[in-house]
Amino acid sequence: MPRSIRSARSNSICSVTSESGRGAKLDELLASRVKMGKKVEKGLNKEKNQSATSQDELDSNKALEPHVCTGNFSADFSELCRRNNMTFIPPVIMRPRPPAPVVQQEVSPAKGGKDKGKPSVTQPEPEQEENAEDGEPVDAPPKTFTTKDKFEYFKPSIQVEMDNQDKPDTVNEIFIRGWKVDTVMMDIFKQCWPTMEKLHSINLWNTGLNDDTLHTLSTILPQCPNIKNVTLDGNATEKEDWFELITEESPVQNLSLRHCGITNKGAKMIGRCLGSAKRANTKLLTLNLSNNKIGEEGLEEIAQGLRLNRTLLSLSLASNEIRDKGVVKLSEVLSRFPLTHEEVVERRKLMSDRSSPDRNKSPPLSRRADSKDRPGSVRSSTHQDKGGKKNEKPSAKAKKDGKGGKEEKEEKHEKTKGKKEKEDKAGAKKAAAESQARRGVGANVGGRSSGADMQNGNTSRRASLAADAKGKGNKTKGKEKGGKPAQEQEPADSQDFINPLLEGADYIDGRLWVAGNRVLINLNLSRNEIGETGLEALLKAMQYQTTLCMENKSSGTGLMRLLVGKNKVRSSHELLQKITDIMLPKDPFYKPPPQTPEVNEA
C-alpha cells in the first residue's frame, strides 16, 4: 500500500479518536450538569416544602386563636362560619319590606281666601313609558315588589332589622325561617348574640330545633343584655323542655310557641315555671301556646301556675284539645280560690317576716360604738380625750365672753325636747299603722269579711309598709351626724308589689279563700272542645270579676278580652251572648256602632 494512503487512513483514525474523545468529555459535562440540576431542584423542593410547612403551622396557630366578637353581626358570623369550614355561609341581609307610598307635599303660602296657609299637595309626575324597538310603549316595572332569580328565595339567609343601616352594630331583630339550625350554627350564635347590645327580638320559624339546640338557646338568652321577644313557631322537640326559656334567669317578656306539638307533658312544666307557692315568674308578659296538643291536665297545671302569678297579661290557648274540666279549673283561678296547705304555711311565714323584719338581724357595730347612753367600756382613751376637749371649748368661750353658760344650756334643752317630741310622734304613727295592719289581717281571717273589708286590709297594709319605711328613714337620719342628704341615702327595703298570699282572705268552712288573678287581661280559648259547663264557669268568673273590680281596681282590672268562639256550643247560644254582653264594654278594641238619628214617620 502506498505511503499516501496509509497517512490518510492514519489521519482519519486520529481525527475520529479525537472527536470521540471530545464527545465523551461533552457527555461527561452534560451528565454532571444534569446531576447538579437535579440537586438544585431537590434543594429548591426542600425549601418549598419547609416554607409550606411553616406557613401551615402559622395558619394552624392562627386558627387556634379564638375569635373575639365585636358586636358587628355580619362580620362576626361570616368569620366564625369560615373557621368552622362551612361550605355555604348564609348571607346576612336586610329584612325585605314593601316600599311605602311616597306623598309629596309642598307648603305654599296663599295670598288670600279660604285656602290661606294650607299646604298645597303636588301631584306626582306620571311615569314615562319606555318605547320598545318597534316603537310601541312598554309599561314601567312595578314598584310594590321585587323579583328574584329562580330558587333564590329558598336559599338559607339571615334577615335582620337595624336601627341605623349605616351602622352594622345596630342589629335589633333577627329572622331565620325555613332552614335547619344545627348544633354548629347554634354554637356560632352563642358567640355572636351576647355581644349585640341592641338585639331585642329573635325569630326562629321552622328551623328544626331539637333538645340540644333548645337547651343551648336557653343558655344564650340570659347573656343577651336587652332580649325581650322570642318566637320559636314550628319547632317540635322530643323532651318538650320549653320551660327552660322562662326560668328565673331568663329575661324573655314575650314568648310564642305556636305549632310546636306541645302536649300535657310540656304544658305541666310551663305551668310550674309560671308560679308556685314559693316563687313566680316576674318577667313574662305574653305567652302564645296556640295550635298545640294541650289537654285538660296541661291546662289545670297552667291554671295552677296562674294562681300566684301577677305578671302575665296575655295567654293564648287557641286550637288545642281543651275541655270543660280544665276550663272550670281556670275559671276558679280567675274568680277566687281556697289556699292549699303549702300556701297557708308560706302565707304565715310572709306575715311573720313582715311584722318583725329585723328580728333575725344583729345590730350593726356602729350602733354600739356611737351610742352615748351605754357606758364607754369599749372606748379608748383617745375618744375620751377628744370628748373632753370638745366639752372644754364651749366653757372656755363662755368664760371669755363673760356671759355665762345659761343661754347655751337653755338652747341645748330646747333641742333635746324637739328631738324627743319627733321620736314620740314617729313611734306613735308606727304603732298605729301596725295595729291597723293586724286588725285588717285578723278580721279577715277570724271571720267572713266582705269586699270592703278586703279593701281596708289592703290599704292598711300599704300604710303600714309606708310608715315602716318612714320610721327607718327617720332613725337613720337621727343616728348619722352630718350624714348624707335625704336623696343620697339608701331607700328602705320596700316591696314593689304585694305578694298575692298577703292579700285579704275570707275564712269559709275551715279554709282561707283569696281573690283570684285579676292581672291577666287577654285570654284566647277559641277553637277548642269547650261545652256548656265550661262556658257557665267562665260566665260566673266574669261576673265576679266585674263586681269586684267595680269596688277595687288597685289589684287589677280583670279580663278585658275573652275569646271563646268556635267551640262545641253554637254561636247563638245564650251563654255566649251573656259573656259577649259582659266583655264587649271592657274590650279596648271595641268600637260601638254609630247611633243613627231616628226618622219620624209622618
Foldseek 3Di string as FASTA:
>chain_A
DDPVVVVVVVVVVVVVVVVVVVVVVVVVVVVVVVVVVVVVVVVVVVVVVVVVVVVVVVVVVVLVDDDAAQLLQQVLQVVLCVSVVPPDRAHEEADDDFDDDDWDWAADADPDDPCGRPIDGDDDDDDDFDADPVGDTDDDDDRRDDDDDPCPVVDWHKHFDAPDPVDSSRTAEIAGDDEAQDPSNLVSCLNRQLNRQNHAEYAYEQHADEPVSLVSVLVSQLSRDHHEYYEYENYEYDQLCPLSCQAQSGQYAEYEYANHQDELRNLLSNLPACADLVDHGAHHAEYEYEHYAYEQNSLLSNLNSQLFHQHYAAYEHHHYAYEQNSLLSNLCQLFKDFDDPSNVVSLVVVVVCVLPVCPPPDDDPVCVCQDPVDDPPPDDVVVVVVVVVVVVVVVVVCVVVVPDCPVVVVVVVVVVVVVVVVVVVLVVQLVVLSVQLCCLQCVQAVAFDDLVSLVSNVVSVVSNLVSVQVVVLVVVVVRDDPDDDPVPDDGDDDDPDDGQSNGRWHQDPNTTMGGHHQNHAYYEYANYAYDPSSLVSNLVSLVSLVVSCVVPPPSHNHYQYYHHYHYPDDCPDPSNVSVCVSNQVSHPPHDDDDDDDDDDDD
